[in-house]
Amino acid sequence: MTDEQARNADWNRLLAFLAEADPQNYSELKAPMLILAGNCLPVLADEAAKAYLNQQIDQIVLVGGIGHATKYLYRNFEKQGYDFEQGLSESELCAKYLIEKYHLPEEAMLLETKSTNSGENALFSYELLSKLGSLPERILLMNDPTLQRRTKATFEKEWGKTSVDFYNYVPILPQVTESTKGFSFSDQRLNDLWPADYFQALVLGEMVRLKDDAQGYGPNGKGFIGHVDIPDEVWSAYLRLIAINEKASLKR
């Protein structure tokens, strides 16, 4: 195995862990509701629309205000020919996209437009749905796959007093094929959606947040999520990638 192949394998080990994808056939999953948290990937809105049109779900809840991913979401929509007015939240952008591209009815969607992080995604969506009546027994949960494991852990913590069963809906799992000069993926739909530095910061930052120590988000740190076990081989992959980045920084 070459150095590049080993490096790609380490990225893919982290990505598979962070996505926490179930091997089940996603086209067969059904639930009353799918929550799509704010991110920069229009392809996830496409997947939400597909689930609705396939009658897997009855409603899409779009969650997300204006945050670190918003400018990239605008840019990625523009690449596809959708030039939306400035100042919209991530959920509003996705709603406009779903209406224009898929002609989804407005009543198919609920919008939460103020949250700016995963904790607020979970809390504000809970407040929104609680006001509307009884909560469903099952909710499909979708986010940028690099954030999926923590998203589910956050929702489970914030919604802990409910009996709602969250299921990670991960129809797209990023797998790196090139990581030397930017990132390329086996699924061509993902290429050029994340700027390289942003993608790297997302993935490596998630490992810090999930590690249950003083710097992390678990019970031994900030307490935003429950304890998450990180397999030794995943943490070792993270450490190798950090060492490569540190070495590269010293050469600049």
C-alpha atoms as a PDB file:
ATOM      1  CA  MET A   1       0.000   0.000   0.000  1.00  0.00           C
ATOM      2  CA  THR A   2       1.403   3.413  -0.943  1.00  0.00           C
ATOM      3  CA  ASP A   3       1.479   6.356   1.475  1.00  0.00           C
ATOM      4  CA  GLU A   4      -1.423   7.952  -0.393  1.00  0.00           C
ATOM      5  CA  GLN A   5      -3.497   4.777  -0.255  1.00  0.00           C
ATOM      6  CA  ALA A   6      -2.811   4.476   3.463  1.00  0.00           C
ATOM      7  CA  ARG A   7      -3.808   8.094   3.973  1.00  0.00           C
ATOM      8  CA  ASN A   8      -7.025   7.626   1.994  1.00  0.00           C
ATOM      9  CA  ALA A   9      -7.808   4.512   4.020  1.00  0.00           C
ATOM     10  CA  ASP A  10      -7.445   6.515   7.234  1.00  0.00           C
ATOM     11  CA  TRP A  11      -9.786   9.239   5.970  1.00  0.00           C
ATOM     12  CA  ASN A  12     -12.324   6.603   4.983  1.00  0.00           C
ATOM     13  CA  ARG A  13     -12.051   4.910   8.365  1.00  0.00           C
ATOM     14  CA  LEU A  14     -12.941   8.209  10.046  1.00  0.00           C
ATOM     15  CA  LEU A  15     -15.741   8.941   7.579  1.00  0.00           C
ATOM     16  CA  ALA A  16     -17.393   5.552   8.076  1.00  0.00           C
ATOM     17  CA  PHE A  17     -17.255   6.022  11.840  1.00  0.00           C
ATOM     18  CA  LEU A  18     -18.599   9.583  11.777  1.00  0.00           C
ATOM     19  CA  ALA A  19     -21.485   8.698   9.457  1.00  0.00           C
ATOM     20  CA  GLU A  20     -22.626   5.822  11.705  1.00  0.00           C
ATOM     21  CA  ALA A  21     -24.443   4.338   8.723  1.00  0.00           C
ATOM     22  CA  ASP A  22     -26.577   1.238   9.070  1.00  0.00           C
ATOM     23  CA  PRO A  23     -26.253  -1.383   6.310  1.00  0.00           C
ATOM     24  CA  GLN A  24     -30.039  -1.458   5.885  1.00  0.00           C
ATOM     25  CA  ASN A  25     -31.548  -0.514   2.507  1.00  0.00           C
ATOM     26  CA  TYR A  26     -32.403   3.173   2.875  1.00  0.00           C
ATOM     27  CA  SER A  27     -34.970   3.092   0.106  1.00  0.00           C
ATOM     28  CA  GLU A  28     -37.069   0.809   2.294  1.00  0.00           C
ATOM     29  CA  LEU A  29     -36.968   2.892   5.476  1.00  0.00           C
ATOM     30  CA  LYS A  30     -40.209   4.566   6.483  1.00  0.00           C
ATOM     31  CA  ALA A  31     -41.151   7.051   9.181  1.00  0.00           C
ATOM     32  CA  PRO A  32     -43.689   9.843   9.641  1.00  0.00           C
ATOM     33  CA  MET A  33     -40.941  12.440   9.508  1.00  0.00           C
ATOM     34  CA  LEU A  34     -37.410  13.151   8.314  1.00  0.00           C
ATOM     35  CA  ILE A  35     -35.345  15.900   9.951  1.00  0.00           C
ATOM     36  CA  LEU A  36     -32.661  17.391   7.706  1.00  0.00           C
ATOM     37  CA  ALA A  37     -30.203  19.476   9.728  1.00  0.00           C
ATOM     38  CA  GLY A  38     -28.447  22.455   8.177  1.00  0.00           C
ATOM     39  CA  ASN A  39     -25.373  21.692   6.065  1.00  0.00           C
ATOM     40  CA  CYS A  40     -23.760  22.675   2.764  1.00  0.00           C
ATOM     41  CA  LEU A  41     -24.803  19.668   0.655  1.00  0.00           C
ATOM     42  CA  PRO A  42     -27.711  20.141  -1.789  1.00  0.00           C
ATOM     43  CA  VAL A  43     -27.480  16.423  -2.558  1.00  0.00           C
ATOM     44  CA  LEU A  44     -28.976  15.714   0.867  1.00  0.00           C
ATOM     45  CA  ALA A  45     -32.008  17.847  -0.007  1.00  0.00           C
ATOM     46  CA  ASP A  46     -32.254  15.708  -3.152  1.00  0.00           C
ATOM     47  CA  GLU A  47     -32.279  12.585  -0.994  1.00  0.00           C
ATOM     48  CA  ALA A  48     -34.928  14.063   1.313  1.00  0.00           C
ATOM     49  CA  ALA A  49     -37.101  14.833  -1.719  1.00  0.00           C
ATOM     50  CA  LYS A  50     -36.603  11.290  -2.994  1.00  0.00           C
ATOM     51  CA  ALA A  51     -37.747   9.860   0.352  1.00  0.00           C
ATOM     52  CA  TYR A  52     -40.859  12.047   0.284  1.00  0.00           C
ATOM     53  CA  LEU A  53     -41.726  11.276  -3.329  1.00  0.00           C
ATOM     54  CA  ASN A  54     -41.199   7.559  -2.660  1.00  0.00           C
ATOM     55  CA  GLN A  55     -43.711   7.875   0.196  1.00  0.00           C
ATOM     56  CA  GLN A  56     -41.148   6.795   2.762  1.00  0.00           C
ATOM     57  CA  ILE A  57     -41.952   9.865   4.865  1.00  0.00           C
ATOM     58  CA  ASP A  58     -44.935  12.158   5.285  1.00  0.00           C
ATOM     59  CA  GLN A  59     -43.070  15.341   6.127  1.00  0.00           C
ATOM     60  CA  ILE A  60     -39.618  16.924   5.925  1.00  0.00           C
ATOM     61  CA  VAL A  61     -38.465  19.108   8.814  1.00  0.00           C
ATOM     62  CA  LEU A  62     -35.749  21.496   7.647  1.00  0.00           C
ATOM     63  CA  VAL A  63     -33.654  22.695  10.568  1.00  0.00           C
ATOM     64  CA  GLY A  64     -30.974  25.370  10.423  1.00  0.00           C
ATOM     65  CA  GLY A  65     -30.399  29.104  10.551  1.00  0.00           C
ATOM     66  CA  ILE A  66     -27.320  30.937   9.286  1.00  0.00           C
ATOM     67  CA  GLY A  67     -24.040  29.320  10.292  1.00  0.00           C
ATOM     68  CA  HIS A  68     -20.609  28.225   9.099  1.00  0.00           C
ATOM     69  CA  ALA A  69     -22.031  26.103   6.260  1.00  0.00           C
ATOM     70  CA  THR A  70     -24.409  28.726   4.833  1.00  0.00           C
ATOM     71  CA  LYS A  71     -22.004  30.424   2.431  1.00  0.00           C
ATOM     72  CA  TYR A  72     -20.987  27.046   1.012  1.00  0.00           C
ATOM     73  CA  LEU A  73     -24.620  26.012   0.619  1.00  0.00           C
ATOM     74  CA  TYR A  74     -25.298  29.195  -1.381  1.00  0.00           C
ATOM     75  CA  ARG A  75     -22.262  28.466  -3.535  1.00  0.00           C
ATOM     76  CA  ASN A  76     -23.283  24.858  -4.154  1.00  0.00           C
ATOM     77  CA  PHE A  77     -26.821  25.841  -5.118  1.00  0.00           C
ATOM     78  CA  GLU A  78     -25.422  28.448  -7.512  1.00  0.00           C
ATOM     79  CA  LYS A  79     -23.328  25.751  -9.203  1.00  0.00           C
ATOM     80  CA  GLN A  80     -26.588  23.984  -9.986  1.00  0.00           C
ATOM     81  CA  GLY A  81     -28.193  27.144 -11.369  1.00  0.00           C
ATOM     82  CA  TYR A  82     -30.209  28.184  -8.314  1.00  0.00           C
ATOM     83  CA  ASP A  83     -29.400  31.798  -7.483  1.00  0.00           C
ATOM     84  CA  PHE A  84     -31.326  32.517  -4.279  1.00  0.00           C
ATOM     85  CA  GLU A  85     -31.536  35.917  -2.607  1.00  0.00           C
ATOM     86  CA  GLN A  86     -29.026  36.609   0.136  1.00  0.00           C
ATOM     87  CA  GLY A  87     -29.854  36.497   3.837  1.00  0.00           C
ATOM     88  CA  LEU A  88     -31.825  33.239   3.859  1.00  0.00           C
ATOM     89  CA  SER A  89     -31.334  30.543   6.462  1.00  0.00           C
ATOM     90  CA  GLU A  90     -30.126  27.102   5.438  1.00  0.00           C
ATOM     91  CA  SER A  91     -33.610  25.671   5.962  1.00  0.00           C
ATOM     92  CA  GLU A  92     -35.181  28.407   3.816  1.00  0.00           C
ATOM     93  CA  LEU A  93     -32.656  27.773   1.046  1.00  0.00           C
ATOM     94  CA  CYS A  94     -33.431  24.063   1.050  1.00  0.00           C
ATOM     95  CA  ALA A  95     -37.176  24.705   1.082  1.00  0.00           C
ATOM     96  CA  LYS A  96     -36.929  26.991  -1.964  1.00  0.00           C
ATOM     97  CA  TYR A  97     -34.804  24.396  -3.727  1.00  0.00           C
ATOM     98  CA  LEU A  98     -37.255  21.576  -2.980  1.00  0.00           C
ATOM     99  CA  ILE A  99     -40.186  23.631  -4.226  1.00  0.00           C
ATOM    100  CA  GLU A 100     -38.424  24.824  -7.403  1.00  0.00           C
ATOM    101  CA  LYS A 101     -36.758  21.555  -8.397  1.00  0.00           C
ATOM    102  CA  TYR A 102     -39.203  18.940  -7.126  1.00  0.00           C
ATOM    103  CA  HIS A 103     -42.411  20.971  -6.823  1.00  0.00           C
ATOM    104  CA  LEU A 104     -42.910  19.744  -3.287  1.00  0.00           C
ATOM    105  CA  PRO A 105     -45.967  21.334  -1.651  1.00  0.00           C
ATOM    106  CA  GLU A 106     -45.238  23.789   1.147  1.00  0.00           C
ATOM    107  CA  GLU A 107     -47.274  21.675   3.560  1.00  0.00           C
ATOM    108  CA  ALA A 108     -44.774  18.851   3.029  1.00  0.00           C
ATOM    109  CA  MET A 109     -42.184  20.878   4.930  1.00  0.00           C
ATOM    110  CA  LEU A 110     -41.744  22.412   8.360  1.00  0.00           C
ATOM    111  CA  LEU A 111     -38.998  25.013   8.850  1.00  0.00           C
ATOM    112  CA  GLU A 112     -36.886  25.946  11.847  1.00  0.00           C
ATOM    113  CA  THR A 113     -34.766  28.946  10.852  1.00  0.00           C
ATOM    114  CA  LYS A 114     -32.830  30.098  13.929  1.00  0.00           C
ATOM    115  CA  SER A 115     -30.524  27.292  15.075  1.00  0.00           C
ATOM    116  CA  THR A 116     -26.794  27.703  14.460  1.00  0.00           C
ATOM    117  CA  ASN A 117     -25.315  24.500  15.929  1.00  0.00           C
ATOM    118  CA  SER A 118     -26.249  20.883  16.555  1.00  0.00           C
ATOM    119  CA  GLY A 119     -27.516  21.531  20.071  1.00  0.00           C
ATOM    120  CA  GLU A 120     -29.875  24.220  18.828  1.00  0.00           C
ATOM    121  CA  ASN A 121     -30.879  22.024  15.867  1.00  0.00           C
ATOM    122  CA  ALA A 122     -32.087  19.444  18.364  1.00  0.00           C
ATOM    123  CA  LEU A 123     -33.593  21.813  20.933  1.00  0.00           C
ATOM    124  CA  PHE A 124     -35.373  24.159  18.538  1.00  0.00           C
ATOM    125  CA  SER A 125     -36.785  21.323  16.442  1.00  0.00           C
ATOM    126  CA  TYR A 126     -38.116  19.706  19.615  1.00  0.00           C
ATOM    127  CA  GLU A 127     -39.766  22.961  20.652  1.00  0.00           C
ATOM    128  CA  LEU A 128     -41.249  23.419  17.180  1.00  0.00           C
ATOM    129  CA  LEU A 129     -42.680  19.928  16.933  1.00  0.00           C
ATOM    130  CA  SER A 130     -43.912  19.837  20.534  1.00  0.00           C
ATOM    131  CA  LYS A 131     -46.053  22.902  19.917  1.00  0.00           C
ATOM    132  CA  LEU A 132     -47.672  21.212  16.931  1.00  0.00           C
ATOM    133  CA  GLY A 133     -48.926  18.213  18.882  1.00  0.00           C
ATOM    134  CA  SER A 134     -47.817  14.665  19.646  1.00  0.00           C
ATOM    135  CA  LEU A 135     -44.356  13.562  18.568  1.00  0.00           C
ATOM    136  CA  PRO A 136     -43.943  10.653  16.146  1.00  0.00           C
ATOM    137  CA  GLU A 137     -42.590   7.349  17.401  1.00  0.00           C
ATOM    138  CA  ARG A 138     -39.846   7.320  14.795  1.00  0.00           C
ATOM    139  CA  ILE A 139     -37.878  10.058  13.025  1.00  0.00           C
ATOM    140  CA  LEU A 140     -35.293   9.681  10.274  1.00  0.00           C
ATOM    141  CA  LEU A 141     -32.349  11.986  10.921  1.00  0.00           C
ATOM    142  CA  MET A 142     -30.064  13.308   8.191  1.00  0.00           C
ATOM    143  CA  ASN A 143     -27.121  15.690   8.193  1.00  0.00           C
ATOM    144  CA  ASP A 144     -23.747  16.133   6.534  1.00  0.00           C
ATOM    145  CA  PRO A 145     -22.420  12.571   6.974  1.00  0.00           C
ATOM    146  CA  THR A 146     -19.270  13.897   8.643  1.00  0.00           C
ATOM    147  CA  LEU A 147     -21.560  15.177  11.430  1.00  0.00           C
ATOM    148  CA  GLN A 148     -24.101  12.360  11.491  1.00  0.00           C
ATOM    149  CA  ARG A 149     -22.934  10.405  14.561  1.00  0.00           C
ATOM    150  CA  ARG A 150     -22.762  13.520  16.728  1.00  0.00           C
ATOM    151  CA  THR A 151     -26.063  14.815  15.359  1.00  0.00           C
ATOM    152  CA  LYS A 152     -27.859  11.648  16.471  1.00  0.00           C
ATOM    153  CA  ALA A 153     -26.118  11.694  19.848  1.00  0.00           C
ATOM    154  CA  THR A 154     -27.158  15.331  20.307  1.00  0.00           C
ATOM    155  CA  PHE A 155     -30.790  14.723  19.378  1.00  0.00           C
ATOM    156  CA  GLU A 156     -30.947  11.717  21.683  1.00  0.00           C
ATOM    157  CA  LYS A 157     -29.591  13.851  24.545  1.00  0.00           C
ATOM    158  CA  GLU A 158     -31.916  16.818  23.938  1.00  0.00           C
ATOM    159  CA  TRP A 159     -34.974  14.624  23.331  1.00  0.00           C
ATOM    160  CA  GLY A 160     -34.049  12.226  26.133  1.00  0.00           C
ATOM    161  CA  LYS A 161     -37.355  12.498  27.983  1.00  0.00           C
ATOM    162  CA  THR A 162     -39.329  11.443  24.900  1.00  0.00           C
ATOM    163  CA  SER A 163     -39.861   7.976  23.453  1.00  0.00           C
ATOM    164  CA  VAL A 164     -38.898   9.030  19.917  1.00  0.00           C
ATOM    165  CA  ASP A 165     -36.621   6.574  18.119  1.00  0.00           C
ATOM    166  CA  PHE A 166     -34.066   8.351  15.911  1.00  0.00           C
ATOM    167  CA  TYR A 167     -32.674   6.494  12.934  1.00  0.00           C
ATOM    168  CA  ASN A 168     -29.614   7.730  11.086  1.00  0.00           C
ATOM    169  CA  TYR A 169     -30.582   8.203   7.447  1.00  0.00           C
ATOM    170  CA  VAL A 170     -27.285   8.043   5.558  1.00  0.00           C
ATOM    171  CA  PRO A 171     -28.002   7.423   1.856  1.00  0.00           C
ATOM    172  CA  ILE A 172     -24.586   8.806   0.891  1.00  0.00           C
ATOM    173  CA  LEU A 173     -21.342   7.726   2.569  1.00  0.00           C
ATOM    174  CA  PRO A 174     -18.296   9.765   1.473  1.00  0.00           C
ATOM    175  CA  GLN A 175     -15.314   7.632   0.516  1.00  0.00           C
ATOM    176  CA  VAL A 176     -12.085   9.402  -0.403  1.00  0.00           C
ATOM    177  CA  THR A 177     -10.214   8.432  -3.560  1.00  0.00           C
ATOM    178  CA  GLU A 178      -7.782  11.393  -3.548  1.00  0.00           C
ATOM    179  CA  SER A 179      -6.487  13.414  -0.606  1.00  0.00           C
ATOM    180  CA  THR A 180      -3.142  14.801  -1.761  1.00  0.00           C
ATOM    181  CA  LYS A 181      -4.335  17.863  -3.678  1.00  0.00           C
ATOM    182  CA  GLY A 182      -7.786  18.483  -2.289  1.00  0.00           C
ATOM    183  CA  PHE A 183     -10.319  15.717  -1.871  1.00  0.00           C
ATOM    184  CA  SER A 184     -12.101  13.567  -4.447  1.00  0.00           C
ATOM    185  CA  PHE A 185     -14.750  10.978  -3.678  1.00  0.00           C
ATOM    186  CA  SER A 186     -15.983   7.736  -5.194  1.00  0.00           C
ATOM    187  CA  ASP A 187     -19.470   9.257  -5.351  1.00  0.00           C
ATOM    188  CA  GLN A 188     -19.020  11.992  -7.961  1.00  0.00           C
ATOM    189  CA  ARG A 189     -21.967  13.965  -6.568  1.00  0.00           C
ATOM    190  CA  LEU A 190     -19.810  14.941  -3.580  1.00  0.00           C
ATOM    191  CA  ASN A 191     -16.847  16.347  -5.476  1.00  0.00           C
ATOM    192  CA  ASP A 192     -16.209  20.075  -4.911  1.00  0.00           C
ATOM    193  CA  LEU A 193     -19.059  20.490  -2.407  1.00  0.00           C
ATOM    194  CA  TRP A 194     -16.733  20.985   0.569  1.00  0.00           C
ATOM    195  CA  PRO A 195     -13.684  23.245   0.228  1.00  0.00           C
ATOM    196  CA  ALA A 196     -10.705  21.053   1.153  1.00  0.00           C
ATOM    197  CA  ASP A 197      -9.760  22.983   4.303  1.00  0.00           C
ATOM    198  CA  TYR A 198     -13.383  23.053   5.441  1.00  0.00           C
ATOM    199  CA  PHE A 199     -13.840  19.317   4.884  1.00  0.00           C
ATOM    200  CA  GLN A 200     -10.650  18.534   6.760  1.00  0.00           C
ATOM    201  CA  ALA A 201     -11.654  20.774   9.662  1.00  0.00           C
ATOM    202  CA  LEU A 202     -15.103  19.154   9.836  1.00  0.00           C
ATOM    203  CA  VAL A 203     -13.766  15.608   9.981  1.00  0.00           C
ATOM    204  CA  LEU A 204     -10.847  16.153  12.327  1.00  0.00           C
ATOM    205  CA  GLY A 205     -12.869  18.506  14.531  1.00  0.00           C
ATOM    206  CA  GLU A 206     -15.586  15.880  14.943  1.00  0.00           C
ATOM    207  CA  MET A 207     -13.082  13.444  16.392  1.00  0.00           C
ATOM    208  CA  VAL A 208     -12.121  15.989  19.054  1.00  0.00           C
ATOM    209  CA  ARG A 209     -15.793  16.642  19.885  1.00  0.00           C
ATOM    210  CA  LEU A 210     -16.689  12.943  20.125  1.00  0.00           C
ATOM    211  CA  LYS A 211     -13.715  12.004  22.305  1.00  0.00           C
ATOM    212  CA  ASP A 212     -15.097  11.775  25.835  1.00  0.00           C
ATOM    213  CA  ASP A 213     -12.456  13.839  27.617  1.00  0.00           C
ATOM    214  CA  ALA A 214     -12.169  17.390  28.944  1.00  0.00           C
ATOM    215  CA  GLN A 215     -12.029  18.865  25.421  1.00  0.00           C
ATOM    216  CA  GLY A 216     -14.908  16.803  24.034  1.00  0.00           C
ATOM    217  CA  TYR A 217     -18.679  17.077  24.090  1.00  0.00           C
ATOM    218  CA  GLY A 218     -19.332  13.932  26.147  1.00  0.00           C
ATOM    219  CA  PRO A 219     -20.062  13.526  29.889  1.00  0.00           C
ATOM    220  CA  ASN A 220     -16.390  14.054  30.798  1.00  0.00           C
ATOM    221  CA  GLY A 221     -16.306  17.306  28.841  1.00  0.00           C
ATOM    222  CA  LYS A 222     -19.041  19.777  27.950  1.00  0.00           C
ATOM    223  CA  GLY A 223     -21.881  17.314  28.448  1.00  0.00           C
ATOM    224  CA  PHE A 224     -23.660  18.044  25.165  1.00  0.00           C
ATOM    225  CA  ILE A 225     -23.913  14.351  24.239  1.00  0.00           C
ATOM    226  CA  GLY A 226     -23.767  10.944  25.870  1.00  0.00           C
ATOM    227  CA  HIS A 227     -20.614   8.847  25.920  1.00  0.00           C
ATOM    228  CA  VAL A 228     -19.373   7.704  22.511  1.00  0.00           C
ATOM    229  CA  ASP A 229     -16.963   4.791  22.188  1.00  0.00           C
ATOM    230  CA  ILE A 230     -14.241   5.423  19.618  1.00  0.00           C
ATOM    231  CA  PRO A 231     -12.597   2.189  18.392  1.00  0.00           C
ATOM    232  CA  ASP A 232      -8.806   2.094  18.728  1.00  0.00           C
ATOM    233  CA  GLU A 233      -8.307   1.725  14.977  1.00  0.00           C
ATOM    234  CA  VAL A 234     -10.388   4.860  14.345  1.00  0.00           C
ATOM    235  CA  TRP A 235      -8.513   6.936  16.897  1.00  0.00           C
ATOM    236  CA  SER A 236      -5.182   5.656  15.549  1.00  0.00           C
ATOM    237  CA  ALA A 237      -6.233   6.751  12.053  1.00  0.00           C
ATOM    238  CA  TYR A 238      -7.076  10.198  13.426  1.00  0.00           C
ATOM    239  CA  LEU A 239      -3.675  10.493  15.115  1.00  0.00           C
ATOM    240  CA  ARG A 240      -1.868   9.511  11.907  1.00  0.00           C
ATOM    241  CA  LEU A 241      -3.746  12.166   9.925  1.00  0.00           C
ATOM    242  CA  ILE A 242      -3.009  14.794  12.566  1.00  0.00           C
ATOM    243  CA  ALA A 243       0.697  13.907  12.406  1.00  0.00           C
ATOM    244  CA  ILE A 244       0.671  14.255   8.604  1.00  0.00           C
ATOM    245  CA  ASN A 245      -0.987  17.669   8.882  1.00  0.00           C
ATOM    246  CA  GLU A 246       1.520  18.842  11.488  1.00  0.00           C
ATOM    247  CA  LYS A 247       4.414  17.710   9.302  1.00  0.00           C
ATOM    248  CA  ALA A 248       2.934  19.516   6.294  1.00  0.00           C
ATOM    249  CA  SER A 249       2.501  22.701   8.345  1.00  0.00           C
ATOM    250  CA  LEU A 250       6.163  22.661   9.342  1.00  0.00           C
ATOM    251  CA  LYS A 251       7.185  22.556   5.667  1.00  0.00           C
ATOM    252  CA  ARG A 252       5.200  25.655   4.740  1.00  0.00           C
END
